[in-house]
Amino acid sequence: MSLHHLPFLPRIGAVLALAAALASPAHAIVGGTSTTAFQAVGTGVQVTPDWVATVQHAAPNVGGFYNNGYGQRVVLARFDAPGSGTFPNNDLSLLQLSPIMGTIPYLLVAADSFPIGTFAAMAVTISSPLNPLGDGNPRGYGRTNVTEFARILDEGSGPMTVNYLLSYDTTVHVQGGDSGGGLFYGQVTDQTSPLLGLSSALLEDTNFQPIGSGFVLLSAYRPWIDATLAANGIQTIRWVTAVPEPATWVLWAAGLAGLGAMTRRRAA
C-alpha cells in the first residue's frame, strides 16, 4: 500500500469545521479490495455506459482493465483533470471504456455546489468502505454525514486544490482500496441516488488515527468533465440538482474560529 502523508490545514477563511483538522495528515488510499455490491462501483464509478469517473492516484492506465458489477472492460483513453498529478491536487480522472454488449444505465450526478466552509450535516452513503473491524472484508457501503466543503488544503509545502467534501465520522471512513468509490447523496437505491463525489483520502490526526475522509466533489469539475465527454463521444453526464438548502445550513464563522483558537492555545 502506497501512502502519502500530507499534513494539511483547510483554507476556508475564518470558518473551521473541526479544530482537529488543523494539524491532520491525509494520505492516498491504494490497494485493498473493492466491492461491486453497487453495479456501477469499482475503482471508480461508471457514470455513463462507456465512461468512468475515478481518482487520479488510483486510475488504471490505457490498455489496463476496469472492473465493476457490469464486468471487465479495457480502458481506451484516460483523461486526468487539469492540475492533477501530485496527490491530493485535483485528484480526478475520466476513463473511456471499450464497448460492451448489454444495457448499462446512466447514473445521476449531483450538480450542486457548496459555499467554502459551509457546515451541514448531510446524509450520504460511501460505497465500498472496508469493514471497520479490521478484517478487510468489504461490506458494500457505510452511511455517514459530510459536514464541510474545502477547496484548498495546505499540505505543508503549499496549498493544494482538492475540492473536497469532508466527513469527520471516525467509525465510517474510507480505507485502503476504497479510492475512487462513490459518495452518494442519501441512501443508495439502484440508480436513483445521485453521485456526489469520489473517495480520495483518509484524514488522520498527528498520531495517525483516523478522524475522517476527503471526497472529490464532482460538480466542482463540471466544465472540464462536460468538455472532455463532448470531445470524445456522444454520451453526456446526467447532472441533477440533488441537495436541498435547508434553513439549518449555517456558517459557524465566529464560534468555530474561536474553538480553533482555543485548541491552538491549548496545544501551545
Foldseek 3Di string as FASTA:
>chain_A
DDWDWFFKDFDQPLFDQALLNHGKTKIWFADAAFAQPFQQWAQFGAQAQFKTKFFQVHDDAAQDWDDHNVGIWGFHDKAQDPQDDPPPASGIMMTGTDDDDDDDHHAEAALDDDRANWFDFFKKKWAFAAQLVPPRHTPGIDIGGFTGWGQWMQRPVGIGGHRWGKTQDLRDAHHHRQGNTFIWGDDDDRRPTHTFFTWTIFIAGPVRRTGITITHGVSVCVVVQQVVDVVPHDDGGNYDHDDDDDPPIDGCSPPVSVVSVVVVVVVD
